[in-house]
Amino acid sequence: MINTILSIPFFINGKLGTGPHWDHWPFGPGYGDLNASLLKLAFVAVILGAIILFLRVLFGPKGFFRDKELDREAAEMREKALKDLEADLESGAISELDYKFKKKRLLL
């Protein structure tokens, strides 16, 4: 029974004179030539990039599934760091230039 079912596609391909054309990218065995290898790498990079962007949309800043508690804690930590930075500037522990650079880095 299973042999009969499996032979149907082969029978149709034999009658039509066409077979599976899997001898080109991305289905070819081995690495092939340089172009095929580069295209396979580019294809994988595009798929991984799409996955990364999808996860960023879901869990990144302002994401649909992002925990709001994380954003609140990050804002509190940023405010505390800014207060400490201003206190260091007023006490003379850091220069005005260091203050500007560190504040800019905190607010990014």
PDB file of N, CA and C in Angstrom:
ATOM      1  N   MET A   1       0.821  -1.199   0.000  1.00  0.00           N
ATOM      2  CA  MET A   1       0.000   0.000   0.000  1.00  0.00           C
ATOM      3  C   MET A   1       0.866   1.264   0.000  1.00  0.00           C
ATOM      4  N   ILE A   2       1.851   1.295   0.928  1.00  0.00           N
ATOM      5  CA  ILE A   2       2.693   2.488   1.009  1.00  0.00           C
ATOM      6  C   ILE A   2       3.535   2.646  -0.247  1.00  0.00           C
ATOM      7  N   ASN A   3       3.967   1.533  -0.837  1.00  0.00           N
ATOM      8  CA  ASN A   3       4.742   1.618  -2.079  1.00  0.00           C
ATOM      9  C   ASN A   3       3.897   2.193  -3.208  1.00  0.00           C
ATOM     10  N   THR A   4       2.619   1.857  -3.222  1.00  0.00           N
ATOM     11  CA  THR A   4       1.726   2.393  -4.249  1.00  0.00           C
ATOM     12  C   THR A   4       1.565   3.902  -4.077  1.00  0.00           C
ATOM     13  N   ILE A   5       1.387   4.333  -2.840  1.00  0.00           N
ATOM     14  CA  ILE A   5       1.220   5.762  -2.574  1.00  0.00           C
ATOM     15  C   ILE A   5       2.492   6.525  -2.921  1.00  0.00           C
ATOM     16  N   LEU A   6       3.643   5.959  -2.554  1.00  0.00           N
ATOM     17  CA  LEU A   6       4.900   6.635  -2.837  1.00  0.00           C
ATOM     18  C   LEU A   6       5.253   6.630  -4.316  1.00  0.00           C
ATOM     19  N   SER A   7       4.717   5.680  -5.062  1.00  0.00           N
ATOM     20  CA  SER A   7       5.064   5.605  -6.482  1.00  0.00           C
ATOM     21  C   SER A   7       4.257   6.587  -7.335  1.00  0.00           C
ATOM     22  N   ILE A   8       3.177   7.135  -6.807  1.00  0.00           N
ATOM     23  CA  ILE A   8       2.333   8.055  -7.583  1.00  0.00           C
ATOM     24  C   ILE A   8       3.105   9.308  -8.007  1.00  0.00           C
ATOM     25  N   PRO A   9       3.821  10.001  -7.107  1.00  0.00           N
ATOM     26  CA  PRO A   9       4.576  11.174  -7.569  1.00  0.00           C
ATOM     27  C   PRO A   9       5.655  10.819  -8.586  1.00  0.00           C
ATOM     28  N   PHE A  10       6.301   9.665  -8.408  1.00  0.00           N
ATOM     29  CA  PHE A  10       7.327   9.255  -9.364  1.00  0.00           C
ATOM     30  C   PHE A  10       6.707   8.936 -10.720  1.00  0.00           C
ATOM     31  N   PHE A  11       5.527   8.359 -10.714  1.00  0.00           N
ATOM     32  CA  PHE A  11       4.832   8.052 -11.966  1.00  0.00           C
ATOM     33  C   PHE A  11       4.477   9.342 -12.711  1.00  0.00           C
ATOM     34  N   ILE A  12       3.950  10.321 -11.969  1.00  0.00           N
ATOM     35  CA  ILE A  12       3.571  11.599 -12.589  1.00  0.00           C
ATOM     36  C   ILE A  12       4.808  12.309 -13.131  1.00  0.00           C
ATOM     37  N   ASN A  13       5.877  12.317 -12.357  1.00  0.00           N
ATOM     38  CA  ASN A  13       7.107  12.957 -12.826  1.00  0.00           C
ATOM     39  C   ASN A  13       7.667  12.257 -14.050  1.00  0.00           C
ATOM     40  N   GLY A  14       7.547  10.942 -14.101  1.00  0.00           N
ATOM     41  CA  GLY A  14       8.020  10.198 -15.268  1.00  0.00           C
ATOM     42  C   GLY A  14       7.206  10.511 -16.506  1.00  0.00           C
ATOM     43  N   LYS A  15       5.894  10.644 -16.362  1.00  0.00           N
ATOM     44  CA  LYS A  15       5.036  10.947 -17.505  1.00  0.00           C
ATOM     45  C   LYS A  15       5.244  12.373 -18.007  1.00  0.00           C
ATOM     46  N   LEU A  16       5.430  13.298 -17.083  1.00  0.00           N
ATOM     47  CA  LEU A  16       5.605  14.693 -17.474  1.00  0.00           C
ATOM     48  C   LEU A  16       7.034  15.007 -17.900  1.00  0.00           C
ATOM     49  N   GLY A  17       7.937  14.122 -17.578  1.00  0.00           N
ATOM     50  CA  GLY A  17       9.327  14.359 -17.939  1.00  0.00           C
ATOM     51  C   GLY A  17      10.019  15.362 -17.044  1.00  0.00           C
ATOM     52  N   THR A  18       9.419  15.630 -15.918  1.00  0.00           N
ATOM     53  CA  THR A  18      10.041  16.557 -14.977  1.00  0.00           C
ATOM     54  C   THR A  18      10.345  15.816 -13.698  1.00  0.00           C
ATOM     55  N   GLY A  19      11.373  16.211 -13.076  1.00  0.00           N
ATOM     56  CA  GLY A  19      11.735  15.635 -11.787  1.00  0.00           C
ATOM     57  C   GLY A  19      11.929  16.752 -10.789  1.00  0.00           C
ATOM     58  N   PRO A  20      12.246  16.388  -9.604  1.00  0.00           N
ATOM     59  CA  PRO A  20      12.493  17.436  -8.612  1.00  0.00           C
ATOM     60  C   PRO A  20      13.761  18.198  -8.977  1.00  0.00           C
ATOM     61  N   HIS A  21      13.647  19.482  -9.089  1.00  0.00           N
ATOM     62  CA  HIS A  21      14.786  20.325  -9.445  1.00  0.00           C
ATOM     63  C   HIS A  21      15.395  20.904  -8.178  1.00  0.00           C
ATOM     64  N   TRP A  22      15.885  20.025  -7.358  1.00  0.00           N
ATOM     65  CA  TRP A  22      16.486  20.452  -6.102  1.00  0.00           C
ATOM     66  C   TRP A  22      18.000  20.452  -6.193  1.00  0.00           C
ATOM     67  N   ASP A  23      18.514  20.625  -7.362  1.00  0.00           N
ATOM     68  CA  ASP A  23      19.961  20.620  -7.506  1.00  0.00           C
ATOM     69  C   ASP A  23      20.537  22.030  -7.454  1.00  0.00           C
ATOM     70  N   HIS A  24      19.734  23.003  -7.090  1.00  0.00           N
ATOM     71  CA  HIS A  24      20.196  24.381  -6.954  1.00  0.00           C
ATOM     72  C   HIS A  24      19.876  24.876  -5.552  1.00  0.00           C
ATOM     73  N   TRP A  25      20.413  26.033  -5.259  1.00  0.00           N
ATOM     74  CA  TRP A  25      20.244  26.627  -3.942  1.00  0.00           C
ATOM     75  C   TRP A  25      18.781  26.799  -3.605  1.00  0.00           C
ATOM     76  N   PRO A  26      18.344  26.604  -2.404  1.00  0.00           N
ATOM     77  CA  PRO A  26      19.079  26.240  -1.199  1.00  0.00           C
ATOM     78  C   PRO A  26      19.049  24.750  -0.909  1.00  0.00           C
ATOM     79  N   PHE A  27      18.645  23.929  -1.859  1.00  0.00           N
ATOM     80  CA  PHE A  27      18.445  22.517  -1.567  1.00  0.00           C
ATOM     81  C   PHE A  27      19.583  21.620  -2.019  1.00  0.00           C
ATOM     82  N   GLY A  28      20.591  22.179  -2.601  1.00  0.00           N
ATOM     83  CA  GLY A  28      21.671  21.356  -3.128  1.00  0.00           C
ATOM     84  C   GLY A  28      22.493  20.708  -2.033  1.00  0.00           C
ATOM     85  N   PRO A  29      23.032  19.529  -2.301  1.00  0.00           N
ATOM     86  CA  PRO A  29      23.880  18.876  -1.304  1.00  0.00           C
ATOM     87  C   PRO A  29      25.251  19.538  -1.264  1.00  0.00           C
ATOM     88  N   GLY A  30      25.863  19.562  -0.130  1.00  0.00           N
ATOM     89  CA  GLY A  30      27.195  20.129  -0.005  1.00  0.00           C
ATOM     90  C   GLY A  30      27.169  21.641  -0.047  1.00  0.00           C
ATOM     91  N   TYR A  31      28.342  22.195  -0.259  1.00  0.00           N
ATOM     92  CA  TYR A  31      28.464  23.648  -0.257  1.00  0.00           C
ATOM     93  C   TYR A  31      28.335  24.252  -1.646  1.00  0.00           C
ATOM     94  N   GLY A  32      28.678  23.510  -2.667  1.00  0.00           N
ATOM     95  CA  GLY A  32      28.578  24.043  -4.013  1.00  0.00           C
ATOM     96  C   GLY A  32      29.669  25.053  -4.283  1.00  0.00           C
ATOM     97  N   ASP A  33      29.422  25.952  -5.192  1.00  0.00           N
ATOM     98  CA  ASP A  33      30.422  26.968  -5.495  1.00  0.00           C
ATOM     99  C   ASP A  33      30.293  28.146  -4.533  1.00  0.00           C
ATOM    100  N   LEU A  34      31.109  29.150  -4.743  1.00  0.00           N
ATOM    101  CA  LEU A  34      31.153  30.290  -3.825  1.00  0.00           C
ATOM    102  C   LEU A  34      29.835  31.060  -3.798  1.00  0.00           C
ATOM    103  N   ASN A  35      29.227  31.258  -4.956  1.00  0.00           N
ATOM    104  CA  ASN A  35      27.970  32.015  -5.001  1.00  0.00           C
ATOM    105  C   ASN A  35      26.868  31.318  -4.214  1.00  0.00           C
ATOM    106  N   ALA A  36      26.774  30.000  -4.363  1.00  0.00           N
ATOM    107  CA  ALA A  36      25.745  29.259  -3.633  1.00  0.00           C
ATOM    108  C   ALA A  36      25.976  29.351  -2.131  1.00  0.00           C
ATOM    109  N   SER A  37      27.225  29.255  -1.716  1.00  0.00           N
ATOM    110  CA  SER A  37      27.532  29.356  -0.286  1.00  0.00           C
ATOM    111  C   SER A  37      27.189  30.740   0.253  1.00  0.00           C
ATOM    112  N   LEU A  38      27.533  31.766  -0.500  1.00  0.00           N
ATOM    113  CA  LEU A  38      27.227  33.130  -0.049  1.00  0.00           C
ATOM    114  C   LEU A  38      25.725  33.378  -0.001  1.00  0.00           C
ATOM    115  N   LEU A  39      24.998  32.838  -0.972  1.00  0.00           N
ATOM    116  CA  LEU A  39      23.545  33.002  -0.960  1.00  0.00           C
ATOM    117  C   LEU A  39      22.911  32.270   0.215  1.00  0.00           C
ATOM    118  N   LYS A  40      23.435  31.095   0.541  1.00  0.00           N
ATOM    119  CA  LYS A  40      22.917  30.370   1.709  1.00  0.00           C
ATOM    120  C   LYS A  40      23.173  31.162   2.983  1.00  0.00           C
ATOM    121  N   LEU A  41      24.375  31.717   3.112  1.00  0.00           N
ATOM    122  CA  LEU A  41      24.687  32.526   4.291  1.00  0.00           C
ATOM    123  C   LEU A  41      23.804  33.767   4.362  1.00  0.00           C
ATOM    124  N   ALA A  42      23.570  34.402   3.226  1.00  0.00           N
ATOM    125  CA  ALA A  42      22.701  35.580   3.203  1.00  0.00           C
ATOM    126  C   ALA A  42      21.271  35.206   3.578  1.00  0.00           C
ATOM    127  N   PHE A  43      20.803  34.066   3.092  1.00  0.00           N
ATOM    128  CA  PHE A  43      19.458  33.595   3.414  1.00  0.00           C
ATOM    129  C   PHE A  43      19.321  33.353   4.915  1.00  0.00           C
ATOM    130  N   VAL A  44      20.303  32.697   5.504  1.00  0.00           N
ATOM    131  CA  VAL A  44      20.280  32.438   6.947  1.00  0.00           C
ATOM    132  C   VAL A  44      20.343  33.756   7.716  1.00  0.00           C
ATOM    133  N   ALA A  45      21.160  34.696   7.254  1.00  0.00           N
ATOM    134  CA  ALA A  45      21.261  35.995   7.923  1.00  0.00           C
ATOM    135  C   ALA A  45      19.937  36.751   7.873  1.00  0.00           C
ATOM    136  N   VAL A  46      19.238  36.678   6.757  1.00  0.00           N
ATOM    137  CA  VAL A  46      17.935  37.351   6.639  1.00  0.00           C
ATOM    138  C   VAL A  46      16.926  36.722   7.589  1.00  0.00           C
ATOM    139  N   ILE A  47      16.914  35.401   7.665  1.00  0.00           N
ATOM    140  CA  ILE A  47      15.982  34.715   8.575  1.00  0.00           C
ATOM    141  C   ILE A  47      16.291  35.084  10.026  1.00  0.00           C
ATOM    142  N   LEU A  48      17.562  35.048  10.413  1.00  0.00           N
ATOM    143  CA  LEU A  48      17.922  35.406  11.785  1.00  0.00           C
ATOM    144  C   LEU A  48      17.618  36.876  12.079  1.00  0.00           C
ATOM    145  N   GLY A  49      17.844  37.743  11.109  1.00  0.00           N
ATOM    146  CA  GLY A  49      17.510  39.153  11.284  1.00  0.00           C
ATOM    147  C   GLY A  49      16.022  39.362  11.493  1.00  0.00           C
ATOM    148  N   ALA A  50      15.215  38.610  10.751  1.00  0.00           N
ATOM    149  CA  ALA A  50      13.760  38.712  10.918  1.00  0.00           C
ATOM    150  C   ALA A  50      13.346  38.244  12.309  1.00  0.00           C
ATOM    151  N   ILE A  51      13.975  37.178  12.797  1.00  0.00           N
ATOM    152  CA  ILE A  51      13.661  36.688  14.144  1.00  0.00           C
ATOM    153  C   ILE A  51      14.050  37.736  15.187  1.00  0.00           C
ATOM    154  N   ILE A  52      15.215  38.338  15.019  1.00  0.00           N
ATOM    155  CA  ILE A  52      15.670  39.357  15.972  1.00  0.00           C
ATOM    156  C   ILE A  52      14.726  40.555  15.981  1.00  0.00           C
ATOM    157  N   LEU A  53      14.333  41.019  14.815  1.00  0.00           N
ATOM    158  CA  LEU A  53      13.400  42.153  14.748  1.00  0.00           C
ATOM    159  C   LEU A  53      12.046  41.804  15.350  1.00  0.00           C
ATOM    160  N   PHE A  54      11.581  40.591  15.101  1.00  0.00           N
ATOM    161  CA  PHE A  54      10.306  40.148  15.658  1.00  0.00           C
ATOM    162  C   PHE A  54      10.364  40.142  17.186  1.00  0.00           C
ATOM    163  N   LEU A  55      11.443  39.608  17.750  1.00  0.00           N
ATOM    164  CA  LEU A  55      11.573  39.583  19.204  1.00  0.00           C
ATOM    165  C   LEU A  55      11.737  40.991  19.775  1.00  0.00           C
ATOM    166  N   ARG A  56      12.412  41.860  19.035  1.00  0.00           N
ATOM    167  CA  ARG A  56      12.563  43.246  19.506  1.00  0.00           C
ATOM    168  C   ARG A  56      11.218  43.957  19.552  1.00  0.00           C
ATOM    169  N   VAL A  57      10.380  43.708  18.562  1.00  0.00           N
ATOM    170  CA  VAL A  57       9.048  44.322  18.560  1.00  0.00           C
ATOM    171  C   VAL A  57       8.230  43.798  19.734  1.00  0.00           C
ATOM    172  N   LEU A  58       8.354  42.513  20.022  1.00  0.00           N
ATOM    173  CA  LEU A  58       7.557  41.939  21.098  1.00  0.00           C
ATOM    174  C   LEU A  58       8.075  42.303  22.484  1.00  0.00           C
ATOM    175  N   PHE A  59       9.407  42.243  22.681  1.00  0.00           N
ATOM    176  CA  PHE A  59       9.960  42.382  24.021  1.00  0.00           C
ATOM    177  C   PHE A  59      10.879  43.581  24.193  1.00  0.00           C
ATOM    178  N   GLY A  60      11.104  44.364  23.156  1.00  0.00           N
ATOM    179  CA  GLY A  60      11.991  45.521  23.235  1.00  0.00           C
ATOM    180  C   GLY A  60      11.323  46.680  23.946  1.00  0.00           C
ATOM    181  N   PRO A  61      11.965  47.849  23.900  1.00  0.00           N
ATOM    182  CA  PRO A  61      11.343  49.027  24.512  1.00  0.00           C
ATOM    183  C   PRO A  61       9.963  49.284  23.912  1.00  0.00           C
ATOM    184  N   LYS A  62       8.999  49.494  24.760  1.00  0.00           N
ATOM    185  CA  LYS A  62       7.595  49.692  24.383  1.00  0.00           C
ATOM    186  C   LYS A  62       7.029  48.483  23.641  1.00  0.00           C
ATOM    187  N   GLY A  63       7.563  47.296  23.934  1.00  0.00           N
ATOM    188  CA  GLY A  63       7.094  46.074  23.282  1.00  0.00           C
ATOM    189  C   GLY A  63       5.769  45.617  23.850  1.00  0.00           C
ATOM    190  N   PHE A  64       5.102  44.772  23.084  1.00  0.00           N
ATOM    191  CA  PHE A  64       3.784  44.288  23.481  1.00  0.00           C
ATOM    192  C   PHE A  64       3.851  43.416  24.735  1.00  0.00           C
ATOM    193  N   PHE A  65       4.891  42.599  24.867  1.00  0.00           N
ATOM    194  CA  PHE A  65       4.996  41.674  25.994  1.00  0.00           C
ATOM    195  C   PHE A  65       6.056  42.098  27.006  1.00  0.00           C
ATOM    196  N   ARG A  66       6.543  43.320  26.909  1.00  0.00           N
ATOM    197  CA  ARG A  66       7.576  43.791  27.835  1.00  0.00           C
ATOM    198  C   ARG A  66       6.952  44.047  29.199  1.00  0.00           C
ATOM    199  N   ASP A  67       7.679  43.664  30.233  1.00  0.00           N
ATOM    200  CA  ASP A  67       7.227  43.862  31.601  1.00  0.00           C
ATOM    201  C   ASP A  67       7.351  45.345  31.953  1.00  0.00           C
ATOM    202  N   LYS A  68       6.262  45.961  32.345  1.00  0.00           N
ATOM    203  CA  LYS A  68       6.261  47.395  32.664  1.00  0.00           C
ATOM    204  C   LYS A  68       7.096  47.686  33.908  1.00  0.00           C
ATOM    205  N   GLU A  69       7.259  46.687  34.749  1.00  0.00           N
ATOM    206  CA  GLU A  69       8.070  46.852  35.953  1.00  0.00           C
ATOM    207  C   GLU A  69       9.534  47.128  35.587  1.00  0.00           C
ATOM    208  N   LEU A  70      10.008  46.517  34.508  1.00  0.00           N
ATOM    209  CA  LEU A  70      11.383  46.758  34.071  1.00  0.00           C
ATOM    210  C   LEU A  70      11.593  48.218  33.698  1.00  0.00           C
ATOM    211  N   ASP A  71      10.624  48.797  33.015  1.00  0.00           N
ATOM    212  CA  ASP A  71      10.744  50.201  32.620  1.00  0.00           C
ATOM    213  C   ASP A  71      10.735  51.120  33.837  1.00  0.00           C
ATOM    214  N   ARG A  72       9.910  50.806  34.825  1.00  0.00           N
ATOM    215  CA  ARG A  72       9.847  51.629  36.031  1.00  0.00           C
ATOM    216  C   ARG A  72      11.159  51.554  36.802  1.00  0.00           C
ATOM    217  N   GLU A  73      11.697  50.342  36.958  1.00  0.00           N
ATOM    218  CA  GLU A  73      12.960  50.184  37.672  1.00  0.00           C
ATOM    219  C   GLU A  73      14.099  50.892  36.947  1.00  0.00           C
ATOM    220  N   ALA A  74      14.109  50.822  35.630  1.00  0.00           N
ATOM    221  CA  ALA A  74      15.161  51.488  34.854  1.00  0.00           C
ATOM    222  C   ALA A  74      15.078  53.000  35.023  1.00  0.00           C
ATOM    223  N   ALA A  75      13.875  53.553  35.048  1.00  0.00           N
ATOM    224  CA  ALA A  75      13.714  54.999  35.233  1.00  0.00           C
ATOM    225  C   ALA A  75      14.181  55.419  36.625  1.00  0.00           C
ATOM    226  N   GLU A  76      13.862  54.611  37.638  1.00  0.00           N
ATOM    227  CA  GLU A  76      14.305  54.927  38.997  1.00  0.00           C
ATOM    228  C   GLU A  76      15.826  54.886  39.101  1.00  0.00           C
ATOM    229  N   MET A  77      16.434  53.885  38.499  1.00  0.00           N
ATOM    230  CA  MET A  77      17.893  53.779  38.538  1.00  0.00           C
ATOM    231  C   MET A  77      18.550  54.944  37.797  1.00  0.00           C
ATOM    232  N   ARG A  78      17.965  55.362  36.691  1.00  0.00           N
ATOM    233  CA  ARG A  78      18.504  56.490  35.930  1.00  0.00           C
ATOM    234  C   ARG A  78      18.413  57.777  36.751  1.00  0.00           C
ATOM    235  N   GLU A  79      17.272  57.999  37.422  1.00  0.00           N
ATOM    236  CA  GLU A  79      17.113  59.199  38.243  1.00  0.00           C
ATOM    237  C   GLU A  79      18.120  59.216  39.389  1.00  0.00           C
ATOM    238  N   LYS A  80      18.331  58.058  40.024  1.00  0.00           N
ATOM    239  CA  LYS A  80      19.296  57.978  41.122  1.00  0.00           C
ATOM    240  C   LYS A  80      20.708  58.256  40.617  1.00  0.00           C
ATOM    241  N   ALA A  81      21.047  57.707  39.457  1.00  0.00           N
ATOM    242  CA  ALA A  81      22.382  57.935  38.894  1.00  0.00           C
ATOM    243  C   ALA A  81      22.576  59.407  38.537  1.00  0.00           C
ATOM    244  N   LEU A  82      21.538  60.058  38.030  1.00  0.00           N
ATOM    245  CA  LEU A  82      21.639  61.490  37.711  1.00  0.00           C
ATOM    246  C   LEU A  82      21.823  62.330  38.974  1.00  0.00           C
ATOM    247  N   LYS A  83      21.100  61.970  40.046  1.00  0.00           N
ATOM    248  CA  LYS A  83      21.268  62.699  41.312  1.00  0.00           C
ATOM    249  C   LYS A  83      22.682  62.520  41.854  1.00  0.00           C
ATOM    250  N   ASP A  84      23.203  61.292  41.795  1.00  0.00           N
ATOM    251  CA  ASP A  84      24.569  61.047  42.258  1.00  0.00           C
ATOM    252  C   ASP A  84      25.578  61.808  41.408  1.00  0.00           C
ATOM    253  N   LEU A  85      25.324  61.871  40.114  1.00  0.00           N
ATOM    254  CA  LEU A  85      26.216  62.588  39.204  1.00  0.00           C
ATOM    255  C   LEU A  85      26.220  64.085  39.513  1.00  0.00           C
ATOM    256  N   GLU A  86      25.040  64.646  39.763  1.00  0.00           N
ATOM    257  CA  GLU A  86      24.962  66.066  40.109  1.00  0.00           C
ATOM    258  C   GLU A  86      25.634  66.343  41.453  1.00  0.00           C
ATOM    259  N   ALA A  87      25.490  65.402  42.385  1.00  0.00           N
ATOM    260  CA  ALA A  87      26.155  65.572  43.683  1.00  0.00           C
ATOM    261  C   ALA A  87      27.672  65.524  43.519  1.00  0.00           C
ATOM    262  N   ASP A  88      28.167  64.649  42.659  1.00  0.00           N
ATOM    263  CA  ASP A  88      29.611  64.589  42.403  1.00  0.00           C
ATOM    264  C   ASP A  88      30.109  65.881  41.762  1.00  0.00           C
ATOM    265  N   LEU A  89      29.308  66.461  40.874  1.00  0.00           N
ATOM    266  CA  LEU A  89      29.698  67.722  40.233  1.00  0.00           C
ATOM    267  C   LEU A  89      29.746  68.855  41.254  1.00  0.00           C
ATOM    268  N   GLU A  90      28.748  68.918  42.119  1.00  0.00           N
ATOM    269  CA  GLU A  90      28.700  69.987  43.119  1.00  0.00           C
ATOM    270  C   GLU A  90      29.822  69.852  44.141  1.00  0.00           C
ATOM    271  N   SER A  91      30.197  68.614  44.463  1.00  0.00           N
ATOM    272  CA  SER A  91      31.278  68.420  45.437  1.00  0.00           C
ATOM    273  C   SER A  91      32.653  68.581  44.808  1.00  0.00           C
ATOM    274  N   GLY A  92      32.714  68.639  43.490  1.00  0.00           N
ATOM    275  CA  GLY A  92      33.996  68.817  42.807  1.00  0.00           C
ATOM    276  C   GLY A  92      34.710  67.509  42.515  1.00  0.00           C
ATOM    277  N   ALA A  93      34.042  66.395  42.679  1.00  0.00           N
ATOM    278  CA  ALA A  93      34.665  65.091  42.424  1.00  0.00           C
ATOM    279  C   ALA A  93      34.889  64.851  40.935  1.00  0.00           C
ATOM    280  N   ILE A  94      34.055  65.446  40.090  1.00  0.00           N
ATOM    281  CA  ILE A  94      34.222  65.309  38.639  1.00  0.00           C
ATOM    282  C   ILE A  94      34.200  66.698  38.007  1.00  0.00           C
ATOM    283  N   SER A  95      34.765  66.795  36.833  1.00  0.00           N
ATOM    284  CA  SER A  95      34.796  68.083  36.134  1.00  0.00           C
ATOM    285  C   SER A  95      33.493  68.295  35.368  1.00  0.00           C
ATOM    286  N   GLU A  96      33.348  69.506  34.865  1.00  0.00           N
ATOM    287  CA  GLU A  96      32.151  69.853  34.077  1.00  0.00           C
ATOM    288  C   GLU A  96      32.072  69.002  32.808  1.00  0.00           C
ATOM    289  N   LEU A  97      33.216  68.768  32.192  1.00  0.00           N
ATOM    290  CA  LEU A  97      33.251  67.967  30.966  1.00  0.00           C
ATOM    291  C   LEU A  97      32.860  66.513  31.250  1.00  0.00           C
ATOM    292  N   ASP A  98      33.393  65.950  32.352  1.00  0.00           N
ATOM    293  CA  ASP A  98      33.003  64.587  32.730  1.00  0.00           C
ATOM    294  C   ASP A  98      31.508  64.509  33.019  1.00  0.00           C
ATOM    295  N   TYR A  99      30.998  65.536  33.667  1.00  0.00           N
ATOM    296  CA  TYR A  99      29.568  65.579  33.973  1.00  0.00           C
ATOM    297  C   TYR A  99      28.732  65.541  32.697  1.00  0.00           C
ATOM    298  N   LYS A 100      29.125  66.334  31.701  1.00  0.00           N
ATOM    299  CA  LYS A 100      28.364  66.367  30.449  1.00  0.00           C
ATOM    300  C   LYS A 100      28.380  65.012  29.750  1.00  0.00           C
ATOM    301  N   PHE A 101      29.577  64.396  29.682  1.00  0.00           N
ATOM    302  CA  PHE A 101      29.674  63.103  29.001  1.00  0.00           C
ATOM    303  C   PHE A 101      28.893  62.009  29.731  1.00  0.00           C
ATOM    304  N   LYS A 102      29.019  61.962  31.051  1.00  0.00           N
ATOM    305  CA  LYS A 102      28.319  60.927  31.817  1.00  0.00           C
ATOM    306  C   LYS A 102      26.807  61.132  31.786  1.00  0.00           C
ATOM    307  N   LYS A 103      26.369  62.384  31.821  1.00  0.00           N
ATOM    308  CA  LYS A 103      24.933  62.662  31.753  1.00  0.00           C
ATOM    309  C   LYS A 103      24.381  62.267  30.385  1.00  0.00           C
ATOM    310  N   LYS A 104      25.140  62.579  29.346  1.00  0.00           N
ATOM    311  CA  LYS A 104      24.710  62.212  27.994  1.00  0.00           C
ATOM    312  C   LYS A 104      24.598  60.691  27.858  1.00  0.00           C
ATOM    313  N   ARG A 105      25.564  59.973  28.442  1.00  0.00           N
ATOM    314  CA  ARG A 105      25.534  58.512  28.380  1.00  0.00           C
ATOM    315  C   ARG A 105      24.351  57.943  29.174  1.00  0.00           C
ATOM    316  N   LEU A 106      24.020  58.562  30.288  1.00  0.00           N
ATOM    317  CA  LEU A 106      22.889  58.087  31.093  1.00  0.00           C
ATOM    318  C   LEU A 106      21.549  58.320  30.401  1.00  0.00           C
ATOM    319  N   LEU A 107      21.440  59.416  29.679  1.00  0.00           N
ATOM    320  CA  LEU A 107      20.159  59.764  29.068  1.00  0.00           C
ATOM    321  C   LEU A 107      19.924  59.087  27.722  1.00  0.00           C
ATOM    322  N   LEU A 108      20.911  58.373  27.203  1.00  0.00           N
ATOM    323  CA  LEU A 108      20.708  57.668  25.931  1.00  0.00           C
ATOM    324  C   LEU A 108      19.827  56.524  26.124  1.00  0.00           C
TER     325      LEU A 108
END
